[in-house]
C-alpha cells in the first residue's frame, strides 16, 4: 500500500487515476489510425505522428547522446521509422516501436564515433528549466545530475522533467508498463534529490571557524 507521501509524488508526476489516462488511451487510438494511414502512403498522417512523438524521441536521445547532436538524430529516427513503417504489424504499438528505433539510433551513434568530451559536459539546453520543480538549482545543474543516474532512471526522468510528459504518456509512448514508469520515476527522483542535496552541501560556502 502506498504511503501518503508516495501518493502525492505519483499524483504530482501525473500517475494518479483520473481523466488523464482516458485521454492517453484516446490518443493511442488516434495513433493507430494515423499509423494505418501512413502505411498507405499518407505523409500528412505521418506528420501527425511526428508532432505527437517528437518530444518522446528527443527525450530518449537526450538521455544517451550529447545535446548538440540530439536534434539531428531526432530527424534520423523519424526517417528510419518512415522507411520501416510497413514492417510494423501492431499499429497501436507505434510509440514503443519508435522508442526502440530511437535507442538503436543512439547506440549506432556511439558505435561510429567516440565523443571527445563526457556526455555530461554539454548541458546548456535550457529546456530542463520547464520541468525543474525546485528553485534551488538551475536547469543545467539538474540535467547534469540526471545524466549521472542509471540509464533507466535517466531516460524516464528526462521525459518527465525536460519533455514535460506525464507518467501515463511516458508509459503509452515508450511501451514501458505503468508500473515500471512509477518505479523509475519514484526511485529516480529519490536518487536525483539525494544527488542534488549532496552537490549543494559540497559546493556550499564553508562555515567560518570561530
C-alpha atoms as a PDB file:
ATOM      1  CA  UNK A   1       0.000   0.000   0.000  1.00  0.00           C
ATOM      2  CA  UNK A   2       1.466   3.376  -0.986  1.00  0.00           C
ATOM      3  CA  UNK A   3       2.286   5.866   1.759  1.00  0.00           C
ATOM      4  CA  UNK A   4       0.552   9.263   1.635  1.00  0.00           C
ATOM      5  CA  UNK A   5       3.804  10.921   0.636  1.00  0.00           C
ATOM      6  CA  UNK A   6       4.288   8.416  -2.161  1.00  0.00           C
ATOM      7  CA  UNK A   7       0.763   9.045  -3.419  1.00  0.00           C
ATOM      8  CA  UNK A   8       1.485  12.752  -3.524  1.00  0.00           C
ATOM      9  CA  UNK A   9       4.658  12.162  -5.520  1.00  0.00           C
ATOM     10  CA  UNK A  10       2.806   9.942  -8.009  1.00  0.00           C
ATOM     11  CA  UNK A  11      -0.019  12.428  -8.451  1.00  0.00           C
ATOM     12  CA  UNK A  12       2.497  15.214  -8.999  1.00  0.00           C
ATOM     13  CA  UNK A  13       4.170  13.055 -11.631  1.00  0.00           C
ATOM     14  CA  UNK A  14       0.864  12.561 -13.439  1.00  0.00           C
ATOM     15  CA  UNK A  15       0.463   8.899 -12.482  1.00  0.00           C
ATOM     16  CA  UNK A  16      -2.688   9.091 -10.426  1.00  0.00           C
ATOM     17  CA  UNK A  17      -6.133   7.892 -11.559  1.00  0.00           C
ATOM     18  CA  UNK A  18      -8.446  10.201 -13.467  1.00  0.00           C
ATOM     19  CA  UNK A  19      -9.191  11.594 -16.913  1.00  0.00           C
ATOM     20  CA  UNK A  20      -5.514  11.755 -17.904  1.00  0.00           C
ATOM     21  CA  UNK A  21      -5.365   8.013 -18.547  1.00  0.00           C
ATOM     22  CA  UNK A  22      -8.555   8.158 -20.601  1.00  0.00           C
ATOM     23  CA  UNK A  23      -7.102  10.972 -22.697  1.00  0.00           C
ATOM     24  CA  UNK A  24      -3.922   8.988 -23.307  1.00  0.00           C
ATOM     25  CA  UNK A  25      -5.938   5.919 -24.359  1.00  0.00           C
ATOM     26  CA  UNK A  26      -7.881   8.071 -26.806  1.00  0.00           C
ATOM     27  CA  UNK A  27      -4.673   9.463 -28.279  1.00  0.00           C
ATOM     28  CA  UNK A  28      -3.215   5.982 -28.729  1.00  0.00           C
ATOM     29  CA  UNK A  29      -6.366   5.010 -30.619  1.00  0.00           C
ATOM     30  CA  UNK A  30      -5.843   8.042 -32.873  1.00  0.00           C
ATOM     31  CA  UNK A  31      -2.219   6.984 -33.329  1.00  0.00           C
ATOM     32  CA  UNK A  32      -3.297   3.600 -34.664  1.00  0.00           C
ATOM     33  CA  UNK A  33      -5.487   5.328 -37.246  1.00  0.00           C
ATOM     34  CA  UNK A  34      -2.656   7.617 -38.296  1.00  0.00           C
ATOM     35  CA  UNK A  35      -0.200   4.721 -38.495  1.00  0.00           C
ATOM     36  CA  UNK A  36      -2.548   2.782 -40.761  1.00  0.00           C
ATOM     37  CA  UNK A  37      -2.985   5.832 -42.980  1.00  0.00           C
ATOM     38  CA  UNK A  38       0.762   6.466 -43.076  1.00  0.00           C
ATOM     39  CA  UNK A  39       1.365   2.853 -44.067  1.00  0.00           C
ATOM     40  CA  UNK A  40      -0.937   3.516 -47.012  1.00  0.00           C
ATOM     41  CA  UNK A  41       1.275   6.425 -48.086  1.00  0.00           C
ATOM     42  CA  UNK A  42      -0.408   9.353 -46.310  1.00  0.00           C
ATOM     43  CA  UNK A  43       2.509  11.657 -45.452  1.00  0.00           C
ATOM     44  CA  UNK A  44       0.225  14.071 -43.580  1.00  0.00           C
ATOM     45  CA  UNK A  45      -0.691  11.244 -41.197  1.00  0.00           C
ATOM     46  CA  UNK A  46       2.974  10.543 -40.560  1.00  0.00           C
ATOM     47  CA  UNK A  47       3.410  14.265 -39.917  1.00  0.00           C
ATOM     48  CA  UNK A  48       0.794  13.981 -37.177  1.00  0.00           C
ATOM     49  CA  UNK A  49       2.764  11.136 -35.623  1.00  0.00           C
ATOM     50  CA  UNK A  50       5.914  13.241 -35.799  1.00  0.00           C
ATOM     51  CA  UNK A  51       4.229  16.118 -33.962  1.00  0.00           C
ATOM     52  CA  UNK A  52       2.948  13.792 -31.257  1.00  0.00           C
ATOM     53  CA  UNK A  53       6.106  11.760 -30.696  1.00  0.00           C
ATOM     54  CA  UNK A  54       8.948  14.222 -31.327  1.00  0.00           C
ATOM     55  CA  UNK A  55       9.227  15.096 -27.623  1.00  0.00           C
ATOM     56  CA  UNK A  56       9.450  11.439 -26.633  1.00  0.00           C
ATOM     57  CA  UNK A  57      12.146  10.736 -29.218  1.00  0.00           C
ATOM     58  CA  UNK A  58      14.026  13.871 -28.161  1.00  0.00           C
ATOM     59  CA  UNK A  59      13.947  12.762 -24.530  1.00  0.00           C
ATOM     60  CA  UNK A  60      15.128   9.225 -25.252  1.00  0.00           C
ATOM     61  CA  UNK A  61      18.045  10.563 -27.286  1.00  0.00           C
ATOM     62  CA  UNK A  62      18.894  13.301 -24.791  1.00  0.00           C
ATOM     63  CA  UNK A  63      19.385  10.595 -22.157  1.00  0.00           C
ATOM     64  CA  UNK A  64      22.028   8.909 -24.311  1.00  0.00           C
ATOM     65  CA  UNK A  65      23.863  11.347 -26.632  1.00  0.00           C
ATOM     66  CA  UNK A  66      25.348  14.871 -26.424  1.00  0.00           C
ATOM     67  CA  UNK A  67      22.806  17.690 -26.514  1.00  0.00           C
ATOM     68  CA  UNK A  68      24.415  19.206 -29.611  1.00  0.00           C
ATOM     69  CA  UNK A  69      23.595  16.102 -31.689  1.00  0.00           C
ATOM     70  CA  UNK A  70      20.075  15.375 -30.448  1.00  0.00           C
ATOM     71  CA  UNK A  71      18.095  17.426 -32.976  1.00  0.00           C
ATOM     72  CA  UNK A  72      19.829  15.845 -35.966  1.00  0.00           C
ATOM     73  CA  UNK A  73      19.323  12.372 -34.537  1.00  0.00           C
ATOM     74  CA  UNK A  74      15.622  13.039 -33.967  1.00  0.00           C
ATOM     75  CA  UNK A  75      15.331  13.517 -37.720  1.00  0.00           C
ATOM     76  CA  UNK A  76      17.307  10.309 -38.295  1.00  0.00           C
ATOM     77  CA  UNK A  77      14.902   8.375 -36.069  1.00  0.00           C
ATOM     78  CA  UNK A  78      11.824   9.513 -37.975  1.00  0.00           C
ATOM     79  CA  UNK A  79      13.446   8.924 -41.355  1.00  0.00           C
ATOM     80  CA  UNK A  80      14.305   5.385 -40.276  1.00  0.00           C
ATOM     81  CA  UNK A  81      10.792   4.898 -38.916  1.00  0.00           C
ATOM     82  CA  UNK A  82       9.204   6.092 -42.150  1.00  0.00           C
ATOM     83  CA  UNK A  83      11.308   3.686 -44.177  1.00  0.00           C
ATOM     84  CA  UNK A  84      10.411   0.760 -41.913  1.00  0.00           C
ATOM     85  CA  UNK A  85       6.789   1.649 -41.197  1.00  0.00           C
ATOM     86  CA  UNK A  86       5.487  -1.148 -43.421  1.00  0.00           C
ATOM     87  CA  UNK A  87       7.115  -3.681 -41.071  1.00  0.00           C
ATOM     88  CA  UNK A  88       5.063  -2.520 -38.056  1.00  0.00           C
ATOM     89  CA  UNK A  89       2.297  -5.078 -37.503  1.00  0.00           C
ATOM     90  CA  UNK A  90       0.680  -3.719 -34.331  1.00  0.00           C
ATOM     91  CA  UNK A  91      -0.381  -0.170 -35.208  1.00  0.00           C
ATOM     92  CA  UNK A  92      -1.225   0.531 -31.566  1.00  0.00           C
ATOM     93  CA  UNK A  93       2.380  -0.138 -30.580  1.00  0.00           C
ATOM     94  CA  UNK A  94       3.877   2.670 -32.660  1.00  0.00           C
ATOM     95  CA  UNK A  95       5.281   4.507 -29.624  1.00  0.00           C
ATOM     96  CA  UNK A  96       7.126   1.504 -28.210  1.00  0.00           C
ATOM     97  CA  UNK A  97       8.406   0.624 -31.681  1.00  0.00           C
ATOM     98  CA  UNK A  98       9.612   4.197 -32.224  1.00  0.00           C
ATOM     99  CA  UNK A  99      11.335   4.273 -28.811  1.00  0.00           C
ATOM    100  CA  UNK A 100      13.294   1.137 -29.779  1.00  0.00           C
ATOM    101  CA  UNK A 101      14.385   2.813 -33.009  1.00  0.00           C
ATOM    102  CA  UNK A 102      15.496   5.886 -31.048  1.00  0.00           C
ATOM    103  CA  UNK A 103      17.574   3.762 -28.683  1.00  0.00           C
ATOM    104  CA  UNK A 104      19.117   1.921 -31.636  1.00  0.00           C
ATOM    105  CA  UNK A 105      19.995   5.212 -33.325  1.00  0.00           C
ATOM    106  CA  UNK A 106      21.714   6.309 -30.114  1.00  0.00           C
ATOM    107  CA  UNK A 107      23.641   3.030 -29.995  1.00  0.00           C
ATOM    108  CA  UNK A 108      24.684   3.443 -33.632  1.00  0.00           C
ATOM    109  CA  UNK A 109      25.863   6.952 -32.824  1.00  0.00           C
ATOM    110  CA  UNK A 110      28.199   5.667 -30.115  1.00  0.00           C
ATOM    111  CA  UNK A 111      29.497   2.859 -32.313  1.00  0.00           C
ATOM    112  CA  UNK A 112      30.549   5.159 -35.124  1.00  0.00           C
ATOM    113  CA  UNK A 113      32.057   7.967 -33.069  1.00  0.00           C
ATOM    114  CA  UNK A 114      33.620   8.455 -29.654  1.00  0.00           C
ATOM    115  CA  UNK A 115      32.696  11.797 -28.074  1.00  0.00           C
ATOM    116  CA  UNK A 116      35.715  13.937 -27.276  1.00  0.00           C
ATOM    117  CA  UNK A 117      34.066  15.161 -24.095  1.00  0.00           C
ATOM    118  CA  UNK A 118      31.970  13.383 -21.450  1.00  0.00           C
ATOM    119  CA  UNK A 119      28.250  13.446 -22.233  1.00  0.00           C
ATOM    120  CA  UNK A 120      27.552  15.451 -19.099  1.00  0.00           C
ATOM    121  CA  UNK A 121      29.827  18.335 -20.114  1.00  0.00           C
ATOM    122  CA  UNK A 122      27.386  19.853 -22.601  1.00  0.00           C
ATOM    123  CA  UNK A 123      24.347  20.778 -20.517  1.00  0.00           C
ATOM    124  CA  UNK A 124      23.415  24.159 -21.961  1.00  0.00           C
ATOM    125  CA  UNK A 125      19.932  23.127 -23.122  1.00  0.00           C
ATOM    126  CA  UNK A 126      17.601  25.395 -21.147  1.00  0.00           C
ATOM    127  CA  UNK A 127      14.503  23.220 -21.690  1.00  0.00           C
ATOM    128  CA  UNK A 128      15.280  21.465 -18.408  1.00  0.00           C
ATOM    129  CA  UNK A 129      14.053  24.625 -16.684  1.00  0.00           C
ATOM    130  CA  UNK A 130      10.483  23.904 -17.810  1.00  0.00           C
ATOM    131  CA  UNK A 131      10.303  20.736 -15.784  1.00  0.00           C
ATOM    132  CA  UNK A 132      12.517  21.623 -12.837  1.00  0.00           C
ATOM    133  CA  UNK A 133      10.332  21.784  -9.760  1.00  0.00           C
ATOM    134  CA  UNK A 134      12.949  23.210  -7.405  1.00  0.00           C
ATOM    135  CA  UNK A 135      14.129  26.798  -7.467  1.00  0.00           C
ATOM    136  CA  UNK A 136      17.332  25.893  -5.643  1.00  0.00           C
ATOM    137  CA  UNK A 137      19.099  24.565  -8.741  1.00  0.00           C
ATOM    138  CA  UNK A 138      19.317  25.866 -12.292  1.00  0.00           C
ATOM    139  CA  UNK A 139      18.410  23.719 -15.295  1.00  0.00           C
ATOM    140  CA  UNK A 140      21.941  22.710 -16.350  1.00  0.00           C
ATOM    141  CA  UNK A 141      22.768  21.541 -12.827  1.00  0.00           C
ATOM    142  CA  UNK A 142      19.678  19.321 -12.774  1.00  0.00           C
ATOM    143  CA  UNK A 143      20.397  17.886 -16.209  1.00  0.00           C
ATOM    144  CA  UNK A 144      23.980  17.217 -15.157  1.00  0.00           C
ATOM    145  CA  UNK A 145      22.711  15.341 -12.098  1.00  0.00           C
ATOM    146  CA  UNK A 146      20.138  13.386 -14.119  1.00  0.00           C
ATOM    147  CA  UNK A 147      22.806  12.305 -16.600  1.00  0.00           C
ATOM    148  CA  UNK A 148      24.764  10.711 -13.735  1.00  0.00           C
ATOM    149  CA  UNK A 149      21.883   8.372 -12.840  1.00  0.00           C
ATOM    150  CA  UNK A 150      21.380   4.803 -14.141  1.00  0.00           C
ATOM    151  CA  UNK A 151      20.116   4.638 -17.724  1.00  0.00           C
ATOM    152  CA  UNK A 152      16.540   3.543 -16.950  1.00  0.00           C
ATOM    153  CA  UNK A 153      16.009   6.360 -14.455  1.00  0.00           C
ATOM    154  CA  UNK A 154      17.794   8.857 -16.707  1.00  0.00           C
ATOM    155  CA  UNK A 155      15.548   8.268 -19.713  1.00  0.00           C
ATOM    156  CA  UNK A 156      12.301   8.333 -17.721  1.00  0.00           C
ATOM    157  CA  UNK A 157      13.247  11.439 -15.737  1.00  0.00           C
ATOM    158  CA  UNK A 158      14.267  13.336 -18.855  1.00  0.00           C
ATOM    159  CA  UNK A 159      10.950  12.505 -20.496  1.00  0.00           C
ATOM    160  CA  UNK A 160       9.202  13.800 -17.350  1.00  0.00           C
ATOM    161  CA  UNK A 161      11.350  16.800 -16.426  1.00  0.00           C
ATOM    162  CA  UNK A 162      12.695  18.004 -19.765  1.00  0.00           C
ATOM    163  CA  UNK A 163       9.975  16.990 -22.210  1.00  0.00           C
ATOM    164  CA  UNK A 164       7.121  17.598 -19.766  1.00  0.00           C
ATOM    165  CA  UNK A 165       5.412  14.251 -20.396  1.00  0.00           C
ATOM    166  CA  UNK A 166       3.083  12.765 -17.771  1.00  0.00           C
ATOM    167  CA  UNK A 167       3.579   9.288 -16.354  1.00  0.00           C
ATOM    168  CA  UNK A 168       0.797   7.733 -18.457  1.00  0.00           C
ATOM    169  CA  UNK A 169       2.163   9.422 -21.588  1.00  0.00           C
ATOM    170  CA  UNK A 170       5.617   8.001 -20.918  1.00  0.00           C
ATOM    171  CA  UNK A 171       4.186   4.520 -20.457  1.00  0.00           C
ATOM    172  CA  UNK A 172       1.961   4.727 -23.528  1.00  0.00           C
ATOM    173  CA  UNK A 173       4.534   6.198 -25.858  1.00  0.00           C
ATOM    174  CA  UNK A 174       7.595   4.195 -24.870  1.00  0.00           C
ATOM    175  CA  UNK A 175       5.950   0.810 -24.342  1.00  0.00           C
ATOM    176  CA  UNK A 176       7.002   0.649 -20.690  1.00  0.00           C
ATOM    177  CA  UNK A 177       4.437  -0.646 -18.243  1.00  0.00           C
ATOM    178  CA  UNK A 178       2.843   1.926 -15.914  1.00  0.00           C
ATOM    179  CA  UNK A 179       4.421   0.057 -13.010  1.00  0.00           C
ATOM    180  CA  UNK A 180       7.893   0.385 -14.499  1.00  0.00           C
ATOM    181  CA  UNK A 181       7.360   4.095 -15.067  1.00  0.00           C
ATOM    182  CA  UNK A 182       6.216   4.545 -11.463  1.00  0.00           C
ATOM    183  CA  UNK A 183       9.278   2.727 -10.154  1.00  0.00           C
ATOM    184  CA  UNK A 184      11.689   4.579 -12.432  1.00  0.00           C
ATOM    185  CA  UNK A 185      10.230   7.972 -11.562  1.00  0.00           C
ATOM    186  CA  UNK A 186       9.997   7.292  -7.835  1.00  0.00           C
ATOM    187  CA  UNK A 187      13.471   5.814  -7.449  1.00  0.00           C
ATOM    188  CA  UNK A 188      14.968   8.192  -9.982  1.00  0.00           C
ATOM    189  CA  UNK A 189      13.580  11.225  -8.162  1.00  0.00           C
ATOM    190  CA  UNK A 190      14.889   9.866  -4.862  1.00  0.00           C
ATOM    191  CA  UNK A 191      18.380   9.487  -6.348  1.00  0.00           C
ATOM    192  CA  UNK A 192      18.151  12.885  -8.059  1.00  0.00           C
ATOM    193  CA  UNK A 193      17.183  14.646  -4.839  1.00  0.00           C
ATOM    194  CA  UNK A 194      19.988  12.896  -2.987  1.00  0.00           C
ATOM    195  CA  UNK A 195      22.468  13.831  -5.717  1.00  0.00           C
ATOM    196  CA  UNK A 196      21.426  17.490  -5.749  1.00  0.00           C
ATOM    197  CA  UNK A 197      21.481  17.670  -1.940  1.00  0.00           C
ATOM    198  CA  UNK A 198      24.980  16.177  -1.832  1.00  0.00           C
ATOM    199  CA  UNK A 199      26.177  18.598  -4.520  1.00  0.00           C
ATOM    200  CA  UNK A 200      24.677  21.544  -2.639  1.00  0.00           C
ATOM    201  CA  UNK A 201      26.435  20.538   0.575  1.00  0.00           C
ATOM    202  CA  UNK A 202      29.721  20.051  -1.242  1.00  0.00           C
ATOM    203  CA  UNK A 203      29.518  23.300  -3.170  1.00  0.00           C
ATOM    204  CA  UNK A 204      28.093  25.416  -0.356  1.00  0.00           C
ATOM    205  CA  UNK A 205      30.156  28.097   1.426  1.00  0.00           C
ATOM    206  CA  UNK A 206      32.374  26.789   4.176  1.00  0.00           C
ATOM    207  CA  UNK A 207      31.411  27.920   7.628  1.00  0.00           C
ATOM    208  CA  UNK A 208      33.887  30.228   9.252  1.00  0.00           C
ATOM    209  CA  UNK A 209      35.688  28.811  12.208  1.00  0.00           C
ATOM    210  CA  UNK A 210      35.244  30.771  15.466  1.00  0.00           C
END
